[in-house]
PDB file of N, CA and C in Angstrom:
ATOM      1  N   MET A   1      46.916 -16.341 -12.037  1.00  0.00           N
ATOM      2  CA  MET A   1      45.643 -17.015 -12.195  1.00  0.00           C
ATOM      3  C   MET A   1      45.927 -18.367 -12.826  1.00  0.00           C
ATOM      4  N   SER A   2      45.326 -19.371 -12.302  1.00  0.00           N
ATOM      5  CA  SER A   2      45.582 -20.733 -12.742  1.00  0.00           C
ATOM      6  C   SER A   2      44.547 -21.163 -13.760  1.00  0.00           C
ATOM      7  N   ASP A   3      44.974 -21.977 -14.736  1.00  0.00           N
ATOM      8  CA  ASP A   3      44.049 -22.502 -15.734  1.00  0.00           C
ATOM      9  C   ASP A   3      43.471 -23.832 -15.293  1.00  0.00           C
ATOM     10  N   ALA A   4      43.812 -24.270 -14.099  1.00  0.00           N
ATOM     11  CA  ALA A   4      43.339 -25.563 -13.611  1.00  0.00           C
ATOM     12  C   ALA A   4      41.848 -25.466 -13.295  1.00  0.00           C
ATOM     13  N   PRO A   5      41.094 -26.541 -13.545  1.00  0.00           N
ATOM     14  CA  PRO A   5      39.660 -26.525 -13.248  1.00  0.00           C
ATOM     15  C   PRO A   5      39.432 -26.422 -11.738  1.00  0.00           C
ATOM     16  N   ALA A   6      38.296 -25.816 -11.393  1.00  0.00           N
ATOM     17  CA  ALA A   6      37.954 -25.653  -9.981  1.00  0.00           C
ATOM     18  C   ALA A   6      37.651 -27.013  -9.370  1.00  0.00           C
ATOM     19  N   THR A   7      38.060 -27.188  -8.165  1.00  0.00           N
ATOM     20  CA  THR A   7      37.784 -28.426  -7.451  1.00  0.00           C
ATOM     21  C   THR A   7      36.873 -28.128  -6.286  1.00  0.00           C
ATOM     22  N   ALA A   8      36.409 -29.158  -5.640  1.00  0.00           N
ATOM     23  CA  ALA A   8      35.538 -29.000  -4.486  1.00  0.00           C
ATOM     24  C   ALA A   8      36.257 -28.251  -3.375  1.00  0.00           C
ATOM     25  N   ASP A   9      37.577 -28.343  -3.328  1.00  0.00           N
ATOM     26  CA  ASP A   9      38.328 -27.658  -2.287  1.00  0.00           C
ATOM     27  C   ASP A   9      38.320 -26.138  -2.491  1.00  0.00           C
ATOM     28  N   ASP A  10      38.062 -25.684  -3.736  1.00  0.00           N
ATOM     29  CA  ASP A  10      38.060 -24.252  -4.018  1.00  0.00           C
ATOM     30  C   ASP A  10      36.772 -23.572  -3.532  1.00  0.00           C
ATOM     31  N   GLN A  11      35.716 -24.341  -3.286  1.00  0.00           N
ATOM     32  CA  GLN A  11      34.432 -23.800  -2.883  1.00  0.00           C
ATOM     33  C   GLN A  11      34.408 -23.587  -1.371  1.00  0.00           C
ATOM     34  N   PRO A  12      33.762 -22.518  -0.901  1.00  0.00           N
ATOM     35  CA  PRO A  12      33.663 -22.329   0.539  1.00  0.00           C
ATOM     36  C   PRO A  12      32.822 -23.447   1.143  1.00  0.00           C
ATOM     37  N   THR A  13      33.203 -23.912   2.280  1.00  0.00           N
ATOM     38  CA  THR A  13      32.473 -25.006   2.908  1.00  0.00           C
ATOM     39  C   THR A  13      31.493 -24.441   3.917  1.00  0.00           C
ATOM     40  N   GLU A  14      30.347 -25.071   4.026  1.00  0.00           N
ATOM     41  CA  GLU A  14      29.343 -24.683   4.996  1.00  0.00           C
ATOM     42  C   GLU A  14      29.191 -25.816   5.990  1.00  0.00           C
ATOM     43  N   THR A  15      29.124 -25.469   7.227  1.00  0.00           N
ATOM     44  CA  THR A  15      28.922 -26.488   8.236  1.00  0.00           C
ATOM     45  C   THR A  15      27.447 -26.581   8.544  1.00  0.00           C
ATOM     46  N   ALA A  16      27.059 -27.676   9.158  1.00  0.00           N
ATOM     47  CA  ALA A  16      25.657 -27.889   9.498  1.00  0.00           C
ATOM     48  C   ALA A  16      25.195 -26.854  10.523  1.00  0.00           C
ATOM     49  N   ASP A  17      26.129 -26.316  11.305  1.00  0.00           N
ATOM     50  CA  ASP A  17      25.788 -25.352  12.340  1.00  0.00           C
ATOM     51  C   ASP A  17      25.762 -23.913  11.830  1.00  0.00           C
ATOM     52  N   ALA A  18      26.108 -23.698  10.581  1.00  0.00           N
ATOM     53  CA  ALA A  18      26.192 -22.341  10.048  1.00  0.00           C
ATOM     54  C   ALA A  18      24.804 -21.720   9.984  1.00  0.00           C
ATOM     55  N   LYS A  19      24.712 -20.478  10.425  1.00  0.00           N
ATOM     56  CA  LYS A  19      23.448 -19.749  10.380  1.00  0.00           C
ATOM     57  C   LYS A  19      23.371 -18.979   9.066  1.00  0.00           C
ATOM     58  N   PRO A  20      22.171 -18.835   8.534  1.00  0.00           N
ATOM     59  CA  PRO A  20      22.059 -18.052   7.297  1.00  0.00           C
ATOM     60  C   PRO A  20      22.452 -16.603   7.561  1.00  0.00           C
ATOM     61  N   GLN A  21      22.987 -15.955   6.537  1.00  0.00           N
ATOM     62  CA  GLN A  21      23.442 -14.581   6.695  1.00  0.00           C
ATOM     63  C   GLN A  21      22.292 -13.582   6.626  1.00  0.00           C
ATOM     64  N   PHE A  22      21.161 -14.004   6.148  1.00  0.00           N
ATOM     65  CA  PHE A  22      19.998 -13.132   6.071  1.00  0.00           C
ATOM     66  C   PHE A  22      18.745 -13.989   6.122  1.00  0.00           C
ATOM     67  N   LYS A  23      17.642 -13.367   6.435  1.00  0.00           N
ATOM     68  CA  LYS A  23      16.367 -14.076   6.478  1.00  0.00           C
ATOM     69  C   LYS A  23      15.640 -13.809   5.171  1.00  0.00           C
ATOM     70  N   ARG A  24      15.310 -14.845   4.484  1.00  0.00           N
ATOM     71  CA  ARG A  24      14.666 -14.680   3.182  1.00  0.00           C
ATOM     72  C   ARG A  24      13.223 -14.206   3.296  1.00  0.00           C
ATOM     73  N   PHE A  25      12.497 -14.668   4.272  1.00  0.00           N
ATOM     74  CA  PHE A  25      11.065 -14.387   4.348  1.00  0.00           C
ATOM     75  C   PHE A  25      10.731 -13.535   5.565  1.00  0.00           C
ATOM     76  N   ARG A  26      11.510 -12.531   5.779  1.00  0.00           N
ATOM     77  CA  ARG A  26      11.313 -11.639   6.910  1.00  0.00           C
ATOM     78  C   ARG A  26      10.166 -10.679   6.602  1.00  0.00           C
ATOM     79  N   LYS A  27       9.269 -10.532   7.562  1.00  0.00           N
ATOM     80  CA  LYS A  27       8.220  -9.535   7.410  1.00  0.00           C
ATOM     81  C   LYS A  27       8.842  -8.189   7.717  1.00  0.00           C
ATOM     82  N   ARG A  28       8.723  -7.299   6.776  1.00  0.00           N
ATOM     83  CA  ARG A  28       9.380  -6.020   6.930  1.00  0.00           C
ATOM     84  C   ARG A  28       8.403  -4.907   6.587  1.00  0.00           C
ATOM     85  N   PHE A  29       8.122  -4.091   7.562  1.00  0.00           N
ATOM     86  CA  PHE A  29       7.200  -2.997   7.353  1.00  0.00           C
ATOM     87  C   PHE A  29       7.971  -1.698   7.496  1.00  0.00           C
ATOM     88  N   ASP A  30       8.174  -1.017   6.386  1.00  0.00           N
ATOM     89  CA  ASP A  30       8.927   0.227   6.392  1.00  0.00           C
ATOM     90  C   ASP A  30       8.015   1.445   6.502  1.00  0.00           C
ATOM     91  N   THR A  31       6.720   1.231   6.365  1.00  0.00           N
ATOM     92  CA  THR A  31       5.798   2.354   6.393  1.00  0.00           C
ATOM     93  C   THR A  31       4.950   2.297   7.655  1.00  0.00           C
ATOM     94  N   VAL A  32       4.315   3.391   7.950  1.00  0.00           N
ATOM     95  CA  VAL A  32       3.433   3.449   9.104  1.00  0.00           C
ATOM     96  C   VAL A  32       2.183   2.648   8.786  1.00  0.00           C
ATOM     97  N   ARG A  33       1.786   1.811   9.707  1.00  0.00           N
ATOM     98  CA  ARG A  33       0.584   1.013   9.500  1.00  0.00           C
ATOM     99  C   ARG A  33      -0.632   1.790   9.985  1.00  0.00           C
ATOM    100  N   LEU A  34      -1.744   1.586   9.293  1.00  0.00           N
ATOM    101  CA  LEU A  34      -2.976   2.267   9.654  1.00  0.00           C
ATOM    102  C   LEU A  34      -3.618   1.612  10.871  1.00  0.00           C
ATOM    103  N   SER A  35      -4.289   2.419  11.668  1.00  0.00           N
ATOM    104  CA  SER A  35      -5.071   1.866  12.773  1.00  0.00           C
ATOM    105  C   SER A  35      -6.267   1.131  12.159  1.00  0.00           C
ATOM    106  N   PRO A  36      -6.889   0.241  12.904  1.00  0.00           N
ATOM    107  CA  PRO A  36      -8.059  -0.460  12.357  1.00  0.00           C
ATOM    108  C   PRO A  36      -9.171   0.501  11.914  1.00  0.00           C
ATOM    109  N   GLU A  37      -9.353   1.588  12.659  1.00  0.00           N
ATOM    110  CA  GLU A  37     -10.393   2.559  12.301  1.00  0.00           C
ATOM    111  C   GLU A  37     -10.042   3.272  10.994  1.00  0.00           C
ATOM    112  N   ALA A  38      -8.780   3.666  10.853  1.00  0.00           N
ATOM    113  CA  ALA A  38      -8.344   4.344   9.628  1.00  0.00           C
ATOM    114  C   ALA A  38      -8.437   3.411   8.426  1.00  0.00           C
ATOM    115  N   ALA A  39      -8.086   2.148   8.634  1.00  0.00           N
ATOM    116  CA  ALA A  39      -8.179   1.168   7.543  1.00  0.00           C
ATOM    117  C   ALA A  39      -9.627   0.951   7.137  1.00  0.00           C
ATOM    118  N   ALA A  40     -10.530   0.946   8.115  1.00  0.00           N
ATOM    119  CA  ALA A  40     -11.955   0.783   7.810  1.00  0.00           C
ATOM    120  C   ALA A  40     -12.469   1.975   7.009  1.00  0.00           C
ATOM    121  N   ARG A  41     -12.051   3.198   7.386  1.00  0.00           N
ATOM    122  CA  ARG A  41     -12.458   4.396   6.626  1.00  0.00           C
ATOM    123  C   ARG A  41     -11.903   4.356   5.209  1.00  0.00           C
ATOM    124  N   GLN A  42     -10.659   3.907   5.069  1.00  0.00           N
ATOM    125  CA  GLN A  42     -10.048   3.804   3.737  1.00  0.00           C
ATOM    126  C   GLN A  42     -10.845   2.826   2.874  1.00  0.00           C
ATOM    127  N   GLY A  43     -11.190   1.689   3.439  1.00  0.00           N
ATOM    128  CA  GLY A  43     -11.969   0.691   2.698  1.00  0.00           C
ATOM    129  C   GLY A  43     -13.343   1.197   2.321  1.00  0.00           C
ATOM    130  N   LYS A  44     -13.977   1.914   3.251  1.00  0.00           N
ATOM    131  CA  LYS A  44     -15.306   2.446   2.959  1.00  0.00           C
ATOM    132  C   LYS A  44     -15.247   3.499   1.861  1.00  0.00           C
ATOM    133  N   ALA A  45     -14.232   4.360   1.912  1.00  0.00           N
ATOM    134  CA  ALA A  45     -14.083   5.383   0.871  1.00  0.00           C
ATOM    135  C   ALA A  45     -13.871   4.732  -0.494  1.00  0.00           C
ATOM    136  N   ALA A  46     -13.056   3.714  -0.543  1.00  0.00           N
ATOM    137  CA  ALA A  46     -12.799   3.031  -1.815  1.00  0.00           C
ATOM    138  C   ALA A  46     -14.050   2.339  -2.328  1.00  0.00           C
ATOM    139  N   THR A  47     -14.788   1.714  -1.425  1.00  0.00           N
ATOM    140  CA  THR A  47     -16.011   1.015  -1.821  1.00  0.00           C
ATOM    141  C   THR A  47     -17.057   1.996  -2.343  1.00  0.00           C
ATOM    142  N   VAL A  48     -17.273   3.081  -1.613  1.00  0.00           N
ATOM    143  CA  VAL A  48     -18.265   4.081  -2.034  1.00  0.00           C
ATOM    144  C   VAL A  48     -17.854   4.698  -3.373  1.00  0.00           C
ATOM    145  N   ALA A  49     -16.570   4.980  -3.533  1.00  0.00           N
ATOM    146  CA  ALA A  49     -16.092   5.559  -4.798  1.00  0.00           C
ATOM    147  C   ALA A  49     -16.315   4.589  -5.955  1.00  0.00           C
ATOM    148  N   PHE A  50     -16.041   3.313  -5.731  1.00  0.00           N
ATOM    149  CA  PHE A  50     -16.227   2.336  -6.809  1.00  0.00           C
ATOM    150  C   PHE A  50     -17.711   2.190  -7.159  1.00  0.00           C
ATOM    151  N   LEU A  51     -18.554   2.103  -6.133  1.00  0.00           N
ATOM    152  CA  LEU A  51     -19.986   1.952  -6.390  1.00  0.00           C
ATOM    153  C   LEU A  51     -20.580   3.191  -7.051  1.00  0.00           C
ATOM    154  N   THR A  52     -20.039   4.351  -6.737  1.00  0.00           N
ATOM    155  CA  THR A  52     -20.544   5.596  -7.319  1.00  0.00           C
ATOM    156  C   THR A  52     -20.044   5.797  -8.744  1.00  0.00           C
ATOM    157  N   LEU A  53     -18.755   5.610  -8.939  1.00  0.00           N
ATOM    158  CA  LEU A  53     -18.151   5.896 -10.246  1.00  0.00           C
ATOM    159  C   LEU A  53     -18.228   4.724 -11.214  1.00  0.00           C
ATOM    160  N   LYS A  54     -18.403   3.519 -10.691  1.00  0.00           N
ATOM    161  CA  LYS A  54     -18.585   2.291 -11.478  1.00  0.00           C
ATOM    162  C   LYS A  54     -17.437   1.987 -12.447  1.00  0.00           C
ATOM    163  N   ASN A  55     -16.262   2.497 -12.116  1.00  0.00           N
ATOM    164  CA  ASN A  55     -15.108   2.275 -12.970  1.00  0.00           C
ATOM    165  C   ASN A  55     -13.860   2.321 -12.088  1.00  0.00           C
ATOM    166  N   ARG A  56     -13.066   1.282 -12.163  1.00  0.00           N
ATOM    167  CA  ARG A  56     -11.878   1.165 -11.314  1.00  0.00           C
ATOM    168  C   ARG A  56     -10.901   2.315 -11.527  1.00  0.00           C
ATOM    169  N   ASP A  57     -10.626   2.637 -12.783  1.00  0.00           N
ATOM    170  CA  ASP A  57      -9.675   3.709 -13.081  1.00  0.00           C
ATOM    171  C   ASP A  57     -10.185   5.073 -12.611  1.00  0.00           C
ATOM    172  N   ALA A  58     -11.484   5.316 -12.781  1.00  0.00           N
ATOM    173  CA  ALA A  58     -12.068   6.573 -12.323  1.00  0.00           C
ATOM    174  C   ALA A  58     -12.017   6.658 -10.798  1.00  0.00           C
ATOM    175  N   MET A  59     -12.255   5.530 -10.123  1.00  0.00           N
ATOM    176  CA  MET A  59     -12.197   5.492  -8.671  1.00  0.00           C
ATOM    177  C   MET A  59     -10.791   5.817  -8.180  1.00  0.00           C
ATOM    178  N   ILE A  60      -9.795   5.195  -8.770  1.00  0.00           N
ATOM    179  CA  ILE A  60      -8.397   5.422  -8.376  1.00  0.00           C
ATOM    180  C   ILE A  60      -8.008   6.873  -8.632  1.00  0.00           C
ATOM    181  N   ALA A  61      -8.402   7.396  -9.782  1.00  0.00           N
ATOM    182  CA  ALA A  61      -8.084   8.791 -10.107  1.00  0.00           C
ATOM    183  C   ALA A  61      -8.742   9.742  -9.110  1.00  0.00           C
ATOM    184  N   PHE A  62     -10.003   9.501  -8.789  1.00  0.00           N
ATOM    185  CA  PHE A  62     -10.692  10.372  -7.839  1.00  0.00           C
ATOM    186  C   PHE A  62     -10.027  10.339  -6.467  1.00  0.00           C
ATOM    187  N   LEU A  63      -9.753   9.157  -5.952  1.00  0.00           N
ATOM    188  CA  LEU A  63      -9.212   9.025  -4.602  1.00  0.00           C
ATOM    189  C   LEU A  63      -7.787   9.555  -4.466  1.00  0.00           C
ATOM    190  N   ASN A  64      -7.013   9.503  -5.534  1.00  0.00           N
ATOM    191  CA  ASN A  64      -5.592   9.844  -5.447  1.00  0.00           C
ATOM    192  C   ASN A  64      -5.211  11.204  -6.021  1.00  0.00           C
ATOM    193  N   THR A  65      -6.165  11.934  -6.575  1.00  0.00           N
ATOM    194  CA  THR A  65      -5.887  13.243  -7.153  1.00  0.00           C
ATOM    195  C   THR A  65      -6.355  14.336  -6.197  1.00  0.00           C
ATOM    196  N   HIS A  66      -5.534  15.366  -6.040  1.00  0.00           N
ATOM    197  CA  HIS A  66      -5.895  16.481  -5.171  1.00  0.00           C
ATOM    198  C   HIS A  66      -7.202  17.099  -5.641  1.00  0.00           C
ATOM    199  N   ASP A  67      -8.107  17.300  -4.709  1.00  0.00           N
ATOM    200  CA  ASP A  67      -9.406  17.906  -5.007  1.00  0.00           C
ATOM    201  C   ASP A  67      -9.452  19.256  -4.301  1.00  0.00           C
ATOM    202  N   ASP A  68      -9.533  20.339  -5.074  1.00  0.00           N
ATOM    203  CA  ASP A  68      -9.533  21.684  -4.496  1.00  0.00           C
ATOM    204  C   ASP A  68     -10.732  21.913  -3.573  1.00  0.00           C
ATOM    205  N   ALA A  69     -11.887  21.373  -3.940  1.00  0.00           N
ATOM    206  CA  ALA A  69     -13.084  21.565  -3.123  1.00  0.00           C
ATOM    207  C   ALA A  69     -12.929  20.901  -1.753  1.00  0.00           C
ATOM    208  N   LEU A  70     -12.241  19.765  -1.720  1.00  0.00           N
ATOM    209  CA  LEU A  70     -12.023  19.055  -0.457  1.00  0.00           C
ATOM    210  C   LEU A  70     -10.781  19.561   0.277  1.00  0.00           C
ATOM    211  N   GLY A  71      -9.870  20.142  -0.461  1.00  0.00           N
ATOM    212  CA  GLY A  71      -8.645  20.641   0.149  1.00  0.00           C
ATOM    213  C   GLY A  71      -7.576  19.582   0.340  1.00  0.00           C
ATOM    214  N   GLY A  72      -7.604  18.536  -0.470  1.00  0.00           N
ATOM    215  CA  GLY A  72      -6.591  17.483  -0.379  1.00  0.00           C
ATOM    216  C   GLY A  72      -6.987  16.273  -1.197  1.00  0.00           C
ATOM    217  N   ARG A  73      -6.185  15.219  -1.058  1.00  0.00           N
ATOM    218  CA  ARG A  73      -6.516  13.970  -1.743  1.00  0.00           C
ATOM    219  C   ARG A  73      -7.640  13.294  -0.972  1.00  0.00           C
ATOM    220  N   PRO A  74      -8.703  12.891  -1.632  1.00  0.00           N
ATOM    221  CA  PRO A  74      -9.827  12.268  -0.934  1.00  0.00           C
ATOM    222  C   PRO A  74      -9.431  11.070  -0.070  1.00  0.00           C
ATOM    223  N   ILE A  75      -8.531  10.232  -0.539  1.00  0.00           N
ATOM    224  CA  ILE A  75      -8.159   9.052   0.243  1.00  0.00           C
ATOM    225  C   ILE A  75      -7.464   9.458   1.541  1.00  0.00           C
ATOM    226  N   ASP A  76      -6.633  10.495   1.487  1.00  0.00           N
ATOM    227  CA  ASP A  76      -5.959  10.971   2.697  1.00  0.00           C
ATOM    228  C   ASP A  76      -6.959  11.544   3.686  1.00  0.00           C
ATOM    229  N   LEU A  77      -7.918  12.296   3.186  1.00  0.00           N
ATOM    230  CA  LEU A  77      -8.934  12.894   4.055  1.00  0.00           C
ATOM    231  C   LEU A  77      -9.797  11.828   4.714  1.00  0.00           C
ATOM    232  N   ALA A  78     -10.166  10.813   3.945  1.00  0.00           N
ATOM    233  CA  ALA A  78     -10.994   9.731   4.481  1.00  0.00           C
ATOM    234  C   ALA A  78     -10.252   8.948   5.559  1.00  0.00           C
ATOM    235  N   VAL A  79      -8.976   8.702   5.352  1.00  0.00           N
ATOM    236  CA  VAL A  79      -8.182   7.951   6.329  1.00  0.00           C
ATOM    237  C   VAL A  79      -7.988   8.771   7.601  1.00  0.00           C
ATOM    238  N   GLU A  80      -7.873  10.077   7.446  1.00  0.00           N
ATOM    239  CA  GLU A  80      -7.562  10.973   8.560  1.00  0.00           C
ATOM    240  C   GLU A  80      -8.646  11.029   9.632  1.00  0.00           C
ATOM    241  N   SER A  81      -9.922  11.100   9.221  1.00  0.00           N
ATOM    242  CA  SER A  81     -10.981  11.281  10.218  1.00  0.00           C
ATOM    243  C   SER A  81     -12.341  10.881   9.648  1.00  0.00           C
ATOM    244  N   ASP A  82     -13.307  10.739  10.568  1.00  0.00           N
ATOM    245  CA  ASP A  82     -14.679  10.449  10.147  1.00  0.00           C
ATOM    246  C   ASP A  82     -15.264  11.622   9.356  1.00  0.00           C
ATOM    247  N   GLU A  83     -14.888  12.841   9.756  1.00  0.00           N
ATOM    248  CA  GLU A  83     -15.368  14.016   9.043  1.00  0.00           C
ATOM    249  C   GLU A  83     -14.819  14.043   7.617  1.00  0.00           C
ATOM    250  N   GLY A  84     -13.579  13.642   7.447  1.00  0.00           N
ATOM    251  CA  GLY A  84     -12.978  13.568   6.117  1.00  0.00           C
ATOM    252  C   GLY A  84     -13.688  12.557   5.251  1.00  0.00           C
ATOM    253  N   LEU A  85     -14.024  11.406   5.837  1.00  0.00           N
ATOM    254  CA  LEU A  85     -14.760  10.382   5.093  1.00  0.00           C
ATOM    255  C   LEU A  85     -16.121  10.908   4.676  1.00  0.00           C
ATOM    256  N   GLU A  86     -16.802  11.617   5.587  1.00  0.00           N
ATOM    257  CA  GLU A  86     -18.105  12.184   5.257  1.00  0.00           C
ATOM    258  C   GLU A  86     -18.000  13.206   4.124  1.00  0.00           C
ATOM    259  N   ALA A  87     -16.940  14.004   4.124  1.00  0.00           N
ATOM    260  CA  ALA A  87     -16.728  14.990   3.061  1.00  0.00           C
ATOM    261  C   ALA A  87     -16.499  14.298   1.719  1.00  0.00           C
ATOM    262  N   VAL A  88     -15.745  13.209   1.734  1.00  0.00           N
ATOM    263  CA  VAL A  88     -15.487  12.453   0.502  1.00  0.00           C
ATOM    264  C   VAL A  88     -16.787  11.836  -0.010  1.00  0.00           C
ATOM    265  N   GLU A  89     -17.576  11.273   0.896  1.00  0.00           N
ATOM    266  CA  GLU A  89     -18.862  10.698   0.487  1.00  0.00           C
ATOM    267  C   GLU A  89     -19.783  11.768  -0.084  1.00  0.00           C
ATOM    268  N   ALA A  90     -19.775  12.958   0.510  1.00  0.00           N
ATOM    269  CA  ALA A  90     -20.598  14.059  -0.001  1.00  0.00           C
ATOM    270  C   ALA A  90     -20.129  14.498  -1.383  1.00  0.00           C
ATOM    271  N   ALA A  91     -18.827  14.560  -1.588  1.00  0.00           N
ATOM    272  CA  ALA A  91     -18.289  14.940  -2.894  1.00  0.00           C
ATOM    273  C   ALA A  91     -18.676  13.914  -3.957  1.00  0.00           C
ATOM    274  N   LEU A  92     -18.665  12.660  -3.584  1.00  0.00           N
ATOM    275  CA  LEU A  92     -19.069  11.608  -4.534  1.00  0.00           C
ATOM    276  C   LEU A  92     -20.567  11.705  -4.829  1.00  0.00           C
ATOM    277  N   ALA A  93     -21.361  12.023  -3.833  1.00  0.00           N
ATOM    278  CA  ALA A  93     -22.810  12.152  -4.027  1.00  0.00           C
ATOM    279  C   ALA A  93     -23.118  13.304  -4.994  1.00  0.00           C
ATOM    280  N   LYS A  94     -22.348  14.395  -4.910  1.00  0.00           N
ATOM    281  CA  LYS A  94     -22.543  15.521  -5.826  1.00  0.00           C
ATOM    282  C   LYS A  94     -22.220  15.144  -7.266  1.00  0.00           C
ATOM    283  N   ARG A  95     -21.273  14.227  -7.433  1.00  0.00           N
ATOM    284  CA  ARG A  95     -20.889  13.809  -8.798  1.00  0.00           C
ATOM    285  C   ARG A  95     -21.982  13.011  -9.482  1.00  0.00           C
ATOM    286  N   THR A  96     -22.821  12.335  -8.720  1.00  0.00           N
ATOM    287  CA  THR A  96     -23.857  11.507  -9.324  1.00  0.00           C
ATOM    288  C   THR A  96     -25.211  12.210  -9.386  1.00  0.00           C
ATOM    289  N   GLY A  97     -25.390  13.222  -8.565  1.00  0.00           N
ATOM    290  CA  GLY A  97     -26.701  13.864  -8.460  1.00  0.00           C
ATOM    291  C   GLY A  97     -26.774  15.089  -9.221  1.00  0.00           C
TER     292      GLY A  97
END
């Protein structure tokens, strides 16, 4: 190992034609994307939960916690089908009434 200071010759050179080794701003989707209908149901479930529970943390807890009466996580049921969304809305209505 040399004690001599590094010079410009010690650095790797890049040519103007060199391509980058990776893309910095690549769009990368590793998960399954929701259909427009499923995304709309998810948004509606979140909106109804927020308007009913009037608290962000309570809404998140309700949507993401397994509900025995519904037989699953409310957000999953709402995304899955229109019937699931209706069941989630009914469960929320029971909480306020």
